[in-house]
Amino acid sequence: MGFAEFVAFEAKRHAELFASHDTQEAFAAFVEKRRPVFEGR
């Protein structure tokens, strides 16, 4: 895997991560200064 392929791979994985419900919950909990409630999705 070359550098360009790696960057594309990493960008795709980051997009998947930030689309998850748990990531959105983490950001919301941080802004609201509360503990996150993760559901595994």
C-alpha atoms as a PDB file:
ATOM      1  CA  MET A   1       0.000   0.000   0.000  1.00  0.00           C
ATOM      2  CA  GLY A   2       1.488   3.296  -1.085  1.00  0.00           C
ATOM      3  CA  PHE A   3       1.127   6.621   0.673  1.00  0.00           C
ATOM      4  CA  ALA A   4      -1.773   7.829  -1.495  1.00  0.00           C
ATOM      5  CA  GLU A   5      -3.683   4.582  -0.964  1.00  0.00           C
ATOM      6  CA  PHE A   6      -3.076   4.794   2.771  1.00  0.00           C
ATOM      7  CA  VAL A   7      -4.368   8.368   2.950  1.00  0.00           C
ATOM      8  CA  ALA A   8      -7.515   7.369   1.039  1.00  0.00           C
ATOM      9  CA  PHE A   9      -7.998   4.354   3.320  1.00  0.00           C
ATOM     10  CA  GLU A  10      -7.563   6.472   6.452  1.00  0.00           C
ATOM     11  CA  ALA A  11      -9.971   9.151   5.187  1.00  0.00           C
ATOM     12  CA  LYS A  12     -12.639   6.510   4.552  1.00  0.00           C
ATOM     13  CA  ARG A  13     -12.221   5.021   8.029  1.00  0.00           C
ATOM     14  CA  HIS A  14     -12.384   8.454   9.683  1.00  0.00           C
ATOM     15  CA  ALA A  15     -15.622   9.210   7.829  1.00  0.00           C
ATOM     16  CA  GLU A  16     -17.102   5.922   9.084  1.00  0.00           C
ATOM     17  CA  LEU A  17     -15.980   6.662  12.631  1.00  0.00           C
ATOM     18  CA  PHE A  18     -17.416  10.161  12.760  1.00  0.00           C
ATOM     19  CA  ALA A  19     -20.718   8.954  11.321  1.00  0.00           C
ATOM     20  CA  SER A  20     -21.270   6.579  14.256  1.00  0.00           C
ATOM     21  CA  HIS A  21     -23.886   7.274  16.893  1.00  0.00           C
ATOM     22  CA  ASP A  22     -21.369   6.794  19.713  1.00  0.00           C
ATOM     23  CA  THR A  23     -19.038   9.442  18.280  1.00  0.00           C
ATOM     24  CA  GLN A  24     -21.908  11.909  18.018  1.00  0.00           C
ATOM     25  CA  GLU A  25     -22.851  11.066  21.619  1.00  0.00           C
ATOM     26  CA  ALA A  26     -19.266  11.667  22.760  1.00  0.00           C
ATOM     27  CA  PHE A  27     -19.174  15.137  21.193  1.00  0.00           C
ATOM     28  CA  ALA A  28     -22.621  16.029  22.552  1.00  0.00           C
ATOM     29  CA  ALA A  29     -21.676  14.863  26.049  1.00  0.00           C
ATOM     30  CA  PHE A  30     -18.476  16.895  25.935  1.00  0.00           C
ATOM     31  CA  VAL A  31     -20.310  20.071  24.902  1.00  0.00           C
ATOM     32  CA  GLU A  32     -23.002  19.479  27.532  1.00  0.00           C
ATOM     33  CA  LYS A  33     -20.354  18.649  30.185  1.00  0.00           C
ATOM     34  CA  ARG A  34     -21.830  15.258  31.043  1.00  0.00           C
ATOM     35  CA  ARG A  35     -20.761  11.655  30.878  1.00  0.00           C
ATOM     36  CA  PRO A  36     -21.480   9.966  27.537  1.00  0.00           C
ATOM     37  CA  VAL A  37     -23.878   7.052  27.306  1.00  0.00           C
ATOM     38  CA  PHE A  38     -22.455   4.706  24.667  1.00  0.00           C
ATOM     39  CA  GLU A  39     -24.729   2.159  22.994  1.00  0.00           C
ATOM     40  CA  GLY A  40     -22.221   0.389  20.751  1.00  0.00           C
ATOM     41  CA  ARG A  41     -23.512   1.849  17.502  1.00  0.00           C
END
